[in-house]
Protein backbone atom coordinates (compact mmCIF):
# COMPACT_ATOMS: atom_id res chain seq x y z
CA MET A 1 91.72 21.96 -26.91
CA VAL A 2 90.63 19.71 -24.13
CA SER A 3 88.55 16.68 -24.94
CA HIS A 4 85.49 16.18 -22.84
CA GLU A 5 86.74 12.89 -21.36
CA ASP A 6 89.95 14.53 -20.33
CA SER A 7 88.41 17.64 -18.66
CA LEU A 8 88.07 18.63 -15.12
CA GLN A 9 84.31 18.50 -15.39
CA ALA A 10 84.49 14.80 -16.63
CA GLY A 11 86.83 13.97 -13.70
CA ILE A 12 84.28 15.44 -11.29
CA ASP A 13 81.44 13.50 -12.92
CA ARG A 14 83.29 10.21 -12.71
CA ALA A 15 84.35 10.77 -9.08
CA GLY A 16 80.77 11.77 -8.12
CA SER A 17 81.83 15.05 -6.56
CA PRO A 18 84.57 17.63 -6.48
CA VAL A 19 85.68 16.39 -3.02
CA GLY A 20 85.60 12.71 -4.26
CA LEU A 21 88.02 13.82 -6.95
CA LEU A 22 90.39 15.93 -4.87
CA TRP A 23 90.53 14.12 -1.53
CA LYS A 24 94.04 12.57 -1.41
CA PRO A 25 95.36 11.83 2.11
CA ASN A 26 99.19 12.02 2.67
CA PRO A 27 100.22 13.65 -0.52
CA PRO A 28 103.97 14.50 -0.92
CA ALA A 29 104.86 17.97 0.20
CA TRP A 30 105.15 20.41 -2.66
CA THR A 31 108.50 21.66 -3.65
CA PRO A 32 109.52 23.87 -6.58
CA PRO A 33 111.24 22.11 -9.54
CA ILE A 34 114.87 22.22 -10.70
CA LEU A 35 116.23 23.44 -7.36
CA GLU A 36 118.29 21.11 -5.14
CA PRO A 37 116.29 20.06 -2.08
CA GLU A 38 118.92 21.69 0.19
CA TYR A 39 122.19 23.55 -0.34
CA THR A 40 123.55 23.89 3.15
CA GLY A 41 120.55 22.44 4.98
CA TRP A 42 117.05 23.80 5.37
CA ARG A 43 117.61 24.96 8.95
CA ALA A 44 120.58 27.20 7.88
CA GLU A 45 118.67 28.46 4.88
CA GLN A 46 115.75 29.40 6.98
CA GLY A 47 117.95 31.17 9.45
CA ALA A 48 119.52 33.36 6.74
CA TRP A 49 116.14 35.10 6.04
CA LEU A 50 116.13 36.42 9.61
CA GLU A 51 119.86 36.61 10.48
CA SER A 52 121.97 37.38 7.43
CA VAL A 53 120.97 37.19 3.76
CA ALA A 54 119.52 34.55 1.37
CA ILE A 55 119.03 34.21 -2.31
CA ALA A 56 116.25 32.18 -3.96
CA ASP A 57 115.95 31.25 -7.70
CA LEU A 58 112.23 31.35 -8.43
CA SER A 59 112.58 31.05 -12.14
CA TYR A 60 111.01 27.63 -12.60
CA HIS A 61 107.89 27.08 -10.68
CA MET A 62 105.62 30.17 -11.39
CA TRP A 63 103.38 30.71 -14.28
CA ASP A 64 103.57 33.89 -16.23
CA THR A 65 100.84 35.19 -18.49
CA PHE A 66 101.80 38.17 -20.74
CA LEU A 67 98.86 40.36 -21.62
CA SER A 68 98.78 43.24 -24.06
CA GLY A 69 96.51 45.44 -26.04
CA PRO A 70 93.95 48.22 -25.47
CA GLY A 71 91.47 45.69 -23.95
CA ALA A 72 93.98 44.45 -21.31
CA LEU A 73 93.03 46.81 -18.53
CA PRO A 74 89.17 46.51 -19.16
CA LEU A 75 89.61 42.73 -18.99
CA LEU A 76 91.57 42.86 -15.65
CA SER A 77 89.12 45.34 -14.27
CA ASP A 78 86.19 43.16 -15.15
CA LEU A 79 87.67 40.08 -13.55
CA SER A 80 89.06 41.35 -10.24
CA ALA A 81 88.25 43.34 -7.20
CA ASN A 82 91.31 45.54 -7.48
CA ASN A 83 91.43 49.33 -7.71
CA TYR A 84 93.09 50.23 -11.10
CA ARG A 85 93.14 53.97 -10.68
CA ASP A 86 96.64 55.40 -10.55
CA PHE A 87 98.16 51.94 -11.45
CA ALA A 88 101.61 53.20 -12.32
CA TYR A 89 104.04 51.69 -14.82
CA GLY A 90 106.30 49.38 -12.99
CA GLN A 91 103.86 48.87 -10.08
CA ALA A 92 102.46 45.53 -8.92
CA LYS A 93 99.24 44.49 -7.34
CA GLN A 94 97.88 41.45 -5.56
CA PHE A 95 95.58 40.29 -8.29
CA LEU A 96 92.11 39.26 -6.78
CA PRO A 97 89.81 37.45 -9.18
CA VAL A 98 86.59 36.12 -7.71
CA THR A 99 83.75 33.97 -8.96
CA GLU A 100 80.18 35.14 -9.26
CA SER A 101 79.66 33.88 -5.69
CA GLY A 102 82.49 36.08 -4.32
CA HIS A 103 84.96 33.27 -3.68
CA ILE A 104 88.53 33.75 -4.67
CA VAL A 105 89.84 31.93 -7.80
CA VAL A 106 93.32 32.38 -6.47
CA ASP A 107 95.55 35.48 -6.07
CA GLY A 108 98.64 36.39 -8.16
CA ILE A 109 101.06 39.27 -8.66
CA LEU A 110 100.12 41.53 -11.53
CA LEU A 111 102.77 43.86 -12.82
CA ARG A 112 102.12 46.79 -15.18
CA GLU A 113 104.95 47.13 -17.62
CA ALA A 114 103.39 49.84 -19.91
CA GLU A 115 100.17 51.44 -20.82
CA ASP A 116 98.64 48.31 -22.36
CA ARG A 117 101.11 45.61 -21.27
CA PHE A 118 100.88 43.52 -18.06
CA VAL A 119 102.43 40.31 -16.67
CA LEU A 120 100.49 38.05 -14.24
CA SER A 121 102.64 35.70 -12.15
CA GLY A 122 101.83 32.91 -9.71
CA VAL A 123 99.98 29.64 -9.59
CA PRO A 124 97.72 28.54 -12.50
CA PRO A 125 94.11 29.05 -11.49
CA ALA A 126 94.19 32.80 -11.94
CA HIS A 127 95.84 32.40 -15.34
CA SER A 128 93.27 29.88 -16.52
CA TRP A 129 90.56 32.29 -15.48
CA LEU A 130 92.10 35.25 -17.18
CA GLN A 131 92.80 33.30 -20.43
CA TYR A 132 89.23 31.91 -20.59
CA HIS A 133 87.56 35.32 -20.31
CA ALA A 134 90.10 36.93 -22.57
CA ASP A 135 89.22 34.37 -25.37
CA ARG A 136 85.42 34.51 -24.84
CA GLY A 137 84.90 38.21 -24.14
CA ASP A 138 84.80 41.12 -26.41
CA TYR A 139 88.27 42.44 -25.55
CA ASP A 140 90.93 43.69 -27.93
CA VAL A 141 93.66 41.82 -26.17
CA GLU A 142 96.44 39.27 -26.80
CA TRP A 143 98.04 36.87 -24.38
CA THR A 144 100.80 34.26 -24.19
CA CYS A 145 101.43 31.92 -21.31
CA ASP A 146 104.75 30.59 -19.94
CA PRO A 147 103.88 27.66 -17.83
CA SER A 148 105.86 26.24 -14.89
CA MET A 149 108.72 23.91 -15.65
CA GLU A 150 106.76 21.24 -13.70
CA PHE A 151 104.48 21.02 -16.87
CA ARG A 152 107.26 21.12 -19.46
CA PRO A 153 110.41 19.59 -18.19
CA GLY A 154 113.53 20.04 -20.31
CA GLU A 155 112.51 23.57 -21.52
CA VAL A 156 113.57 26.98 -20.13
CA PRO A 157 111.38 29.76 -18.86
CA ARG A 158 111.03 33.18 -20.47
CA LEU A 159 112.01 35.08 -17.32
CA PHE A 160 114.43 34.71 -14.53
CA ARG A 161 113.32 35.62 -11.13
CA PHE A 162 115.66 35.96 -8.11
CA GLN A 163 114.78 37.07 -4.61
CA ILE A 164 117.34 38.40 -2.16
CA GLN A 165 116.05 38.83 1.42
CA GLY A 166 117.42 39.21 4.95
CA PRO A 167 119.02 41.93 7.17
CA ARG A 168 122.02 42.12 4.94
CA ALA A 169 120.13 42.27 1.62
CA ALA A 170 120.88 46.01 1.24
CA ASP A 171 124.66 45.35 1.72
CA LEU A 172 124.59 42.63 -0.96
CA ILE A 173 122.74 44.80 -3.36
CA GLU A 174 125.17 47.73 -2.89
CA ARG A 175 128.12 45.40 -3.45
CA ALA A 176 126.59 44.08 -6.61
CA PHE A 177 125.42 47.34 -8.15
CA GLY A 178 128.06 49.65 -6.75
CA GLY A 179 125.61 51.53 -4.60
CA PRO A 180 122.04 51.43 -3.32
CA LEU A 181 119.08 51.07 -5.65
CA PRO A 182 116.89 54.18 -6.25
CA PRO A 183 114.26 54.68 -3.55
CA LEU A 184 111.64 52.16 -4.07
CA LYS A 185 108.06 51.79 -2.48
CA PHE A 186 106.69 48.41 -1.74
CA PHE A 187 105.36 46.58 -4.87
CA HIS A 188 107.01 49.07 -7.19
CA SER A 189 109.95 48.46 -9.49
CA VAL A 190 112.69 50.16 -11.32
CA PRO A 191 114.90 49.20 -14.24
CA VAL A 192 118.38 48.31 -13.21
CA GLU A 193 121.60 47.09 -14.94
CA LEU A 194 124.32 44.68 -13.86
CA GLY A 195 127.19 43.58 -15.94
CA GLY A 196 125.65 45.06 -19.11
CA ARG A 197 122.32 43.14 -18.48
CA ARG A 198 119.18 45.21 -17.98
CA PHE A 199 116.31 43.93 -15.95
CA ARG A 200 113.75 44.95 -13.31
CA ALA A 201 114.05 45.28 -9.44
CA LEU A 202 110.75 44.82 -7.62
CA ARG A 203 110.48 45.53 -3.97
CA HIS A 204 108.89 42.32 -2.94
CA GLY A 205 109.83 38.96 -1.39
CA MET A 206 108.05 35.75 -0.22
CA ALA A 207 109.79 35.77 3.25
CA GLY A 208 108.52 39.25 4.28
CA GLN A 209 112.04 40.45 5.04
CA PRO A 210 114.12 43.37 3.66
CA GLY A 211 115.13 42.77 0.07
CA CYS A 212 114.21 42.76 -3.58
CA GLU A 213 113.10 40.66 -6.45
CA PHE A 214 115.02 40.77 -9.72
CA ILE A 215 113.16 39.88 -12.98
CA GLY A 216 114.60 39.69 -16.43
CA ASP A 217 115.20 37.77 -19.65
CA TYR A 218 116.09 34.16 -18.95
CA ALA A 219 118.95 34.53 -21.42
CA ASP A 220 120.72 36.61 -18.73
CA HIS A 221 120.04 34.21 -15.85
CA ASP A 222 123.48 32.77 -15.36
CA ARG A 223 125.41 36.06 -15.67
CA VAL A 224 123.07 37.86 -13.26
CA TRP A 225 122.94 34.93 -10.83
CA ASP A 226 126.75 34.56 -10.77
CA ALA A 227 127.16 38.24 -10.12
CA LEU A 228 124.75 38.18 -7.11
CA LEU A 229 126.38 35.12 -5.68
CA ALA A 230 129.82 36.72 -5.93
CA ALA A 231 128.62 39.80 -4.25
CA GLY A 232 127.02 37.83 -1.47
CA GLU A 233 129.85 35.46 -0.69
CA PRO A 234 131.70 37.67 1.80
CA LEU A 235 128.38 38.31 3.53
CA GLY A 236 127.63 34.61 4.19
CA LEU A 237 124.91 34.40 1.42
CA GLU A 238 122.78 31.29 1.69
CA ARG A 239 121.05 29.75 -1.37
CA ILE A 240 117.39 28.74 -0.63
CA GLY A 241 116.66 25.10 -1.52
CA ALA A 242 113.36 23.40 -2.56
CA ILE A 243 112.59 22.24 0.93
CA THR A 244 113.09 25.69 2.47
CA TYR A 245 111.36 27.92 -0.02
CA PRO A 246 107.71 26.98 0.78
CA THR A 247 108.33 27.53 4.47
CA SER A 248 108.46 31.29 4.09
CA SER A 249 104.65 31.70 3.80
CA PRO A 250 103.49 31.08 7.35
CA THR A 251 105.74 33.81 8.90
CA SER A 252 105.08 36.36 6.14
CA GLY A 253 101.33 35.86 6.32
CA TRP A 254 100.57 34.64 2.80
CA ILE A 255 98.24 31.64 2.27
CA PRO A 256 99.67 30.12 -0.90
CA CYS A 257 97.00 27.80 -2.29
CA PRO A 258 93.43 28.36 -1.26
CA LEU A 259 91.10 26.03 -3.15
CA PRO A 260 89.71 27.85 -6.20
CA GLY A 261 85.95 28.56 -5.89
CA ILE A 262 85.24 26.99 -9.31
CA TYR A 263 84.09 23.38 -8.73
CA SER A 264 80.39 23.56 -7.91
CA ASP A 265 78.59 26.42 -9.66
CA PRO A 266 76.59 24.90 -12.54
CA ALA A 267 77.16 28.07 -14.56
CA LEU A 268 80.89 27.30 -14.53
CA ALA A 269 80.54 23.79 -16.06
CA ASP A 270 81.65 25.12 -19.46
CA TYR A 271 84.75 26.64 -17.83
CA ARG A 272 85.58 23.35 -16.10
CA ARG A 273 85.30 21.55 -19.51
CA THR A 274 88.11 23.84 -20.76
CA LEU A 275 90.50 22.74 -17.92
CA PRO A 276 92.40 19.50 -18.29
CA LEU A 277 91.89 16.89 -15.51
CA LEU A 278 95.69 16.69 -15.42
CA SER A 279 95.96 20.34 -14.39
CA PHE A 280 96.57 22.23 -11.15
CA GLU A 281 92.84 22.59 -10.60
CA GLY A 282 92.32 18.91 -11.33
CA GLN A 283 95.08 17.52 -9.16
CA ILE A 284 95.31 19.99 -6.18
CA PRO A 285 95.07 17.55 -3.06
CA LEU A 286 92.60 18.14 -0.31
CA HIS A 287 93.76 16.58 2.88
CA GLY A 288 94.13 16.91 6.62
CA THR A 289 91.75 16.36 9.58
CA TYR A 290 89.01 18.68 8.32
CA TYR A 291 86.79 16.72 6.03
CA SER A 292 83.52 17.84 4.42
CA PRO A 293 81.75 16.26 1.38
CA ASP A 294 80.69 19.81 0.34
CA VAL A 295 83.47 21.51 -1.69
CA GLU A 296 82.03 24.89 -0.93
CA ASP A 297 83.07 24.47 2.78
CA TYR A 298 86.66 24.89 1.48
CA TYR A 299 86.12 28.09 -0.47
CA VAL A 300 87.35 31.38 0.88
CA THR A 301 86.79 34.99 0.04
CA PRO A 302 89.48 37.69 -0.18
CA TYR A 303 88.35 38.88 3.22
CA ASP A 304 89.10 35.52 4.79
CA LEU A 305 92.67 35.74 3.33
CA GLY A 306 93.26 39.20 4.78
CA TYR A 307 92.88 41.05 1.44
CA GLY A 308 90.01 43.27 2.36
CA ARG A 309 92.25 46.38 2.21
CA PHE A 310 92.82 45.69 -1.46
CA VAL A 311 89.12 45.27 -2.42
CA SER A 312 87.61 48.16 -4.37
CA PHE A 313 83.94 48.47 -5.41
CA ASP A 314 84.44 51.50 -7.66
CA HIS A 315 83.84 49.44 -10.73
CA GLU A 316 81.82 46.53 -11.92
CA PHE A 317 83.42 43.07 -11.91
CA ILE A 318 82.46 39.43 -11.73
CA GLY A 319 81.27 38.65 -8.17
CA ARG A 320 80.94 42.28 -7.07
CA ASP A 321 77.49 41.91 -5.39
CA ALA A 322 78.38 38.68 -3.57
CA LEU A 323 81.70 40.19 -2.41
CA LEU A 324 79.99 43.22 -1.18
CA ALA A 325 77.65 41.09 0.86
CA ALA A 326 80.59 38.99 2.10
CA GLY A 327 82.37 42.05 3.41
CA ARG A 328 79.32 43.12 5.39
CA GLN A 329 78.92 39.72 6.90
CA GLN A 330 82.57 38.93 7.48
CA ARG A 331 82.96 36.53 10.45
CA ARG A 332 86.33 34.91 9.87
CA THR A 333 89.85 36.13 10.42
CA LYS A 334 93.33 35.03 9.22
CA VAL A 335 95.62 34.38 12.13
CA THR A 336 98.94 32.77 12.87
CA LEU A 337 98.98 29.69 15.18
CA VAL A 338 102.15 29.17 17.22
CA PHE A 339 102.20 25.51 18.33
CA ASP A 340 103.55 24.71 21.72
CA ALA A 341 107.07 23.42 21.65
CA GLY A 342 107.88 19.75 22.05
CA GLN A 343 104.66 18.26 20.77
CA LEU A 344 105.98 17.32 17.24
CA ALA A 345 109.40 17.29 15.50
CA PRO A 346 109.96 17.96 11.81
CA GLU A 347 111.10 14.34 11.46
CA ASP A 348 107.57 13.23 12.42
CA GLY A 349 105.30 16.06 11.17
CA GLY A 350 107.26 17.19 8.13
CA VAL A 351 108.86 20.57 7.51
CA TYR A 352 105.85 21.88 5.56
CA THR A 353 102.29 20.97 4.93
CA LEU A 354 99.27 22.32 3.28
CA ALA A 355 96.95 20.02 5.32
CA ILE A 356 93.61 21.51 6.20
CA ASN A 357 93.34 20.61 9.78
CA ARG A 358 90.54 21.21 12.26
CA VAL A 359 91.08 24.06 14.79
CA GLU A 360 88.97 23.56 17.90
CA ARG A 361 88.11 25.34 21.14
CA ASP A 362 86.51 23.20 23.89
CA GLY A 363 85.94 20.50 21.34
CA GLU A 364 84.02 22.70 18.84
CA LEU A 365 85.15 23.50 15.41
CA ILE A 366 86.19 27.17 15.10
CA GLY A 367 88.27 27.15 11.91
CA THR A 368 90.90 25.40 9.78
CA THR A 369 94.60 25.62 9.07
CA ALA A 370 95.80 26.51 5.59
CA VAL A 371 99.61 25.96 5.87
CA THR A 372 101.86 24.82 8.63
CA THR A 373 105.69 24.71 8.85
CA PHE A 374 108.42 24.05 11.30
CA PHE A 375 110.45 27.34 11.44
CA ASN A 376 113.85 26.42 12.95
CA PRO A 377 114.88 30.00 13.95
CA MET A 378 111.84 29.88 16.40
CA GLY A 379 112.10 26.20 17.19
CA VAL A 380 108.36 25.63 16.83
CA TYR A 381 105.74 24.81 14.26
CA VAL A 382 103.84 27.95 13.09
CA GLY A 383 100.84 27.98 10.76
CA LEU A 384 98.30 30.14 9.08
CA ALA A 385 94.55 29.58 9.86
CA VAL A 386 91.27 31.08 9.17
CA LEU A 387 89.11 31.18 12.39
CA ASP A 388 85.79 32.46 13.49
CA SER A 389 86.51 36.04 14.47
CA ALA A 390 85.22 35.55 18.02
CA HIS A 391 88.20 33.20 18.59
CA ALA A 392 90.88 35.19 16.65
CA THR A 393 92.15 37.27 19.44
CA PRO A 394 95.92 37.06 19.91
CA GLY A 395 96.76 35.05 23.03
CA SER A 396 93.67 32.73 22.64
CA ARG A 397 94.37 29.08 23.25
CA VAL A 398 93.21 26.51 20.66
CA GLU A 399 93.74 22.91 19.67
CA VAL A 400 94.54 21.58 16.30
CA ALA A 401 93.58 18.04 15.25
CA TRP A 402 96.61 16.64 13.65
CA GLY A 403 96.58 13.83 11.08
CA GLU A 404 94.95 12.66 7.81
CA HIS A 405 91.22 11.98 7.59
CA PRO A 406 90.61 9.03 5.30
CA GLY A 407 87.80 10.74 3.48
CA PRO A 408 84.54 9.36 2.24
CA GLY A 409 83.40 6.19 4.06
CA ALA A 410 85.44 6.86 7.16
CA ALA A 411 84.36 4.99 10.29
CA ALA A 412 82.22 6.81 12.86
CA GLY A 413 84.32 8.40 15.50
CA VAL A 414 87.43 8.93 13.38
CA LEU A 415 87.75 12.52 14.54
CA GLY A 416 88.30 11.21 18.17
CA GLU A 417 91.41 9.33 16.94
CA PHE A 418 93.49 12.34 15.94
CA PRO A 419 95.89 13.75 18.57
CA ARG A 420 95.13 17.42 19.52
CA LEU A 421 98.10 19.81 19.44
CA THR A 422 97.86 22.96 21.57
CA ALA A 423 98.60 26.36 20.09
CA THR A 424 98.30 30.04 20.73
CA VAL A 425 96.68 32.57 18.35
CA ALA A 426 98.95 35.30 17.15
CA PRO A 427 98.71 38.08 14.49
CA ALA A 428 99.38 37.43 10.83
CA PRO A 429 102.05 38.01 9.55
CA TYR A 430 103.74 36.59 12.67
CA ASP A 431 107.11 38.05 11.94
CA THR A 432 107.40 41.59 13.46
CA TYR A 433 109.28 43.07 10.46
CA ALA A 434 106.75 41.54 8.01
CA ARG A 435 103.82 42.85 9.99
CA ALA A 436 105.09 46.32 10.80
CA GLN A 437 107.80 47.43 8.38
CA TYR A 438 107.76 45.20 5.21
CA ARG A 439 105.27 47.40 3.34
CA THR A 440 106.49 50.80 4.71
CA GLY A 441 109.26 53.23 3.64
CA VAL A 442 110.99 53.56 0.35
CA ARG A 443 114.32 51.85 0.83
CA LEU A 444 115.25 48.16 1.50
């Protein structure tokens, strides 16, 4: 139970506004816990995704909420814009909960294990939203949550989660399992066994490359991990470190941490009182060269994130009417920005940033960046941005204001002090395999 003084709402009240609470220039770059920063160097680790094969241990930073009971599916349907018809056992979906105003809370991966049993994985806001409505709605449902190790150091998670990706992923898997996995559609899973340990293979991966995610009981973590490492050693398997892991999202097209649309609606004040100030929602830093005192200027819809193809209006859900209107009026498009080479080195600009930077054309604001990384196999910075659709045509030239706005009280003319980096608009995902082949076919 969160005391009023320690709640997100109290933090907003003391700060004077949501942006006053969240604006934090120059925050440290996020990295997953437990992992070493680098194993063989972030450049080599990035290269393995595109050139050979890489393995990532994702057991420690995600949240998992385990949902069961006959009310589980009605609850999920009431909270999200997803289509739950023909949701097969072992299938996953990009979970899309939205607020009454149609803004995304945050997405996650929802896996159906059985008729009335589901697992939601990802960052906390979707979990908080799900748990709040499960507790206050008339649903015959039970849930338990397994938080990230960032919030409970010294403990162990309930699940292990390994991802193997790269052109030689299928070779590694055949070596480990003695043959190929059964045919597997994207976002579908099958039970597998390795060394007497049974777990799940899900066709999915954060880098948008050929490969698979393995999920199982954490008690089997070391045995399965060691078996996969042994199978990959002759193939030049690279371990993905904490610096490298977040850099996968810009080339695969996934925007990892859009600001949850929960901070301003008076009707959500009770919800904000249930969230600790020292939570993901209370501590997520807003920063970059785009500054607005109105937190709603940072909200996005599923359409802005490229999730329109997943939205279904065949059922009633929170935010349905607003999302329907947003789809009809959609004027923004997710794109990749490929920065011109030689403007900035990773030693100066960092390997990875979630800075929300201004994107301009002829000096006018046309959108904002969401995530930017230096991707060594390409030798340039690449980023994901949401732009006015009129300026989202591949090949268009834009400028990105680079730096850190000081926030409230900044001197007039501060925008003119930021250097402008030139970039070219490209499709999202940027990687050709991620864009054209990652979600097709039935084999790795």
